[in-house]
C-alpha atoms as a PDB file:
ATOM      1  CA  MET A   1    -173.929  42.180  76.839  1.00  0.00           C
ATOM      2  CA  SER A   2    -172.442  41.169  80.093  1.00  0.00           C
ATOM      3  CA  SER A   3    -168.721  40.672  80.043  1.00  0.00           C
ATOM      4  CA  THR A   4    -166.166  40.452  82.805  1.00  0.00           C
ATOM      5  CA  ARG A   5    -163.850  42.778  80.929  1.00  0.00           C
ATOM      6  CA  GLY A   6    -163.327  45.990  82.865  1.00  0.00           C
ATOM      7  CA  ARG A   7    -165.113  44.535  85.895  1.00  0.00           C
ATOM      8  CA  TRP A   8    -163.742  45.758  89.206  1.00  0.00           C
ATOM      9  CA  PRO A   9    -163.084  42.886  91.627  1.00  0.00           C
ATOM     10  CA  VAL A  10    -164.057  43.261  95.280  1.00  0.00           C
ATOM     11  CA  ARG A  11    -160.386  43.317  96.291  1.00  0.00           C
ATOM     12  CA  LYS A  12    -159.597  46.286  94.050  1.00  0.00           C
ATOM     13  CA  LEU A  13    -162.697  48.123  95.249  1.00  0.00           C
ATOM     14  CA  ALA A  14    -161.677  47.445  98.851  1.00  0.00           C
ATOM     15  CA  LEU A  15    -158.243  48.963  98.288  1.00  0.00           C
ATOM     16  CA  LEU A  16    -159.832  52.043  96.766  1.00  0.00           C
ATOM     17  CA  LEU A  17    -162.481  52.415  99.482  1.00  0.00           C
ATOM     18  CA  TYR A  18    -160.343  51.637 102.564  1.00  0.00           C
ATOM     19  CA  PRO A  19    -159.361  55.251 103.443  1.00  0.00           C
ATOM     20  CA  PHE A  20    -162.982  56.393 103.286  1.00  0.00           C
ATOM     21  CA  THR A  21    -164.345  53.419 105.211  1.00  0.00           C
ATOM     22  CA  ALA A  22    -161.654  53.628 107.905  1.00  0.00           C
ATOM     23  CA  ALA A  23    -162.420  57.350 108.320  1.00  0.00           C
ATOM     24  CA  ALA A  24    -166.132  56.572 108.694  1.00  0.00           C
ATOM     25  CA  VAL A  25    -165.295  53.912 111.303  1.00  0.00           C
ATOM     26  CA  ALA A  26    -163.129  56.443 113.184  1.00  0.00           C
ATOM     27  CA  ILE A  27    -165.928  59.019 113.224  1.00  0.00           C
ATOM     28  CA  ASN A  28    -168.447  56.444 114.447  1.00  0.00           C
ATOM     29  CA  LEU A  29    -166.071  55.216 117.166  1.00  0.00           C
ATOM     30  CA  PHE A  30    -165.468  58.770 118.344  1.00  0.00           C
ATOM     31  CA  MET A  31    -169.214  59.477 118.467  1.00  0.00           C
ATOM     32  CA  LEU A  32    -169.766  56.213 120.350  1.00  0.00           C
ATOM     33  CA  GLY A  33    -167.090  57.309 122.802  1.00  0.00           C
ATOM     34  CA  LEU A  34    -168.973  60.555 123.355  1.00  0.00           C
ATOM     35  CA  MET A  35    -172.198  58.667 124.012  1.00  0.00           C
ATOM     36  CA  TRP A  36    -170.388  56.431 126.526  1.00  0.00           C
ATOM     37  CA  GLN A  37    -170.055  59.474 128.757  1.00  0.00           C
ATOM     38  CA  ALA A  38    -173.812  59.374 129.359  1.00  0.00           C
ATOM     39  CA  ILE A  39    -173.419  56.092 131.257  1.00  0.00           C
ATOM     40  CA  GLY A  40    -170.297  57.151 133.123  1.00  0.00           C
ATOM     41  CA  LEU A  41    -167.574  55.657 130.935  1.00  0.00           C
ATOM     42  CA  PRO A  42    -164.602  57.796 129.863  1.00  0.00           C
ATOM     43  CA  ALA A  43    -164.694  59.404 126.430  1.00  0.00           C
ATOM     44  CA  LEU A  44    -162.707  57.943 123.558  1.00  0.00           C
ATOM     45  CA  SER A  45    -160.131  60.428 122.285  1.00  0.00           C
ATOM     46  CA  PRO A  46    -159.933  61.225 118.576  1.00  0.00           C
ATOM     47  CA  VAL A  47    -156.448  59.694 118.439  1.00  0.00           C
ATOM     48  CA  TRP A  48    -157.645  56.398 119.922  1.00  0.00           C
ATOM     49  CA  ALA A  49    -160.617  56.395 117.542  1.00  0.00           C
ATOM     50  CA  LEU A  50    -158.184  56.707 114.618  1.00  0.00           C
ATOM     51  CA  ILE A  51    -155.896  53.994 115.996  1.00  0.00           C
ATOM     52  CA  LEU A  52    -158.801  51.599 116.491  1.00  0.00           C
ATOM     53  CA  SER A  53    -160.235  52.378 113.059  1.00  0.00           C
ATOM     54  CA  VAL A  54    -157.145  51.003 111.276  1.00  0.00           C
ATOM     55  CA  PRO A  55    -157.840  47.321 112.083  1.00  0.00           C
ATOM     56  CA  LEU A  56    -161.623  47.716 112.362  1.00  0.00           C
ATOM     57  CA  GLY A  57    -161.724  49.385 108.954  1.00  0.00           C
ATOM     58  CA  VAL A  58    -160.567  46.192 107.202  1.00  0.00           C
ATOM     59  CA  PRO A  59    -163.715  44.072 107.700  1.00  0.00           C
ATOM     60  CA  ALA A  60    -165.913  47.134 107.262  1.00  0.00           C
ATOM     61  CA  THR A  61    -164.185  47.888 103.957  1.00  0.00           C
ATOM     62  CA  PHE A  62    -164.680  44.331 102.732  1.00  0.00           C
ATOM     63  CA  LEU A  63    -168.403  44.578 103.465  1.00  0.00           C
ATOM     64  CA  VAL A  64    -168.666  47.963 101.759  1.00  0.00           C
ATOM     65  CA  ALA A  65    -166.751  46.704  98.705  1.00  0.00           C
ATOM     66  CA  ARG A  66    -169.082  43.692  98.390  1.00  0.00           C
ATOM     67  CA  TRP A  67    -172.077  46.005  98.663  1.00  0.00           C
ATOM     68  CA  VAL A  68    -170.695  48.391  96.015  1.00  0.00           C
ATOM     69  CA  ARG A  69    -169.842  45.447  93.716  1.00  0.00           C
ATOM     70  CA  GLY A  70    -173.453  44.257  94.031  1.00  0.00           C
ATOM     71  CA  LEU A  71    -174.722  47.736  93.172  1.00  0.00           C
ATOM     72  CA  MET A  72    -172.435  47.846  90.144  1.00  0.00           C
ATOM     73  CA  ASP A  73    -173.640  44.413  89.000  1.00  0.00           C
ATOM     74  CA  GLU A  74    -177.241  45.495  89.409  1.00  0.00           C
ATOM     75  CA  ALA A  75    -176.613  48.673  87.428  1.00  0.00           C
ATOM     76  CA  GLU A  76    -175.073  46.669  84.578  1.00  0.00           C
ATOM     77  CA  ARG A  77    -178.203  44.524  84.203  1.00  0.00           C
END
């Protein structure tokens, strides 16, 4: 019995998941900034990692929401 009633659209999932995805992007950017030091580049500060994660979190969130929607569809089958 597959119905679309109660089905979460990708957009709604993205809104719910954005804070978590943007935080994950910020952590990864900060860690990347730390690794940059090994090749002589300056480190990325935590503040800049957070600032950059705001716009970079949008496409990442869309991809995560599509992935979660696919998992939910698979679980319903």
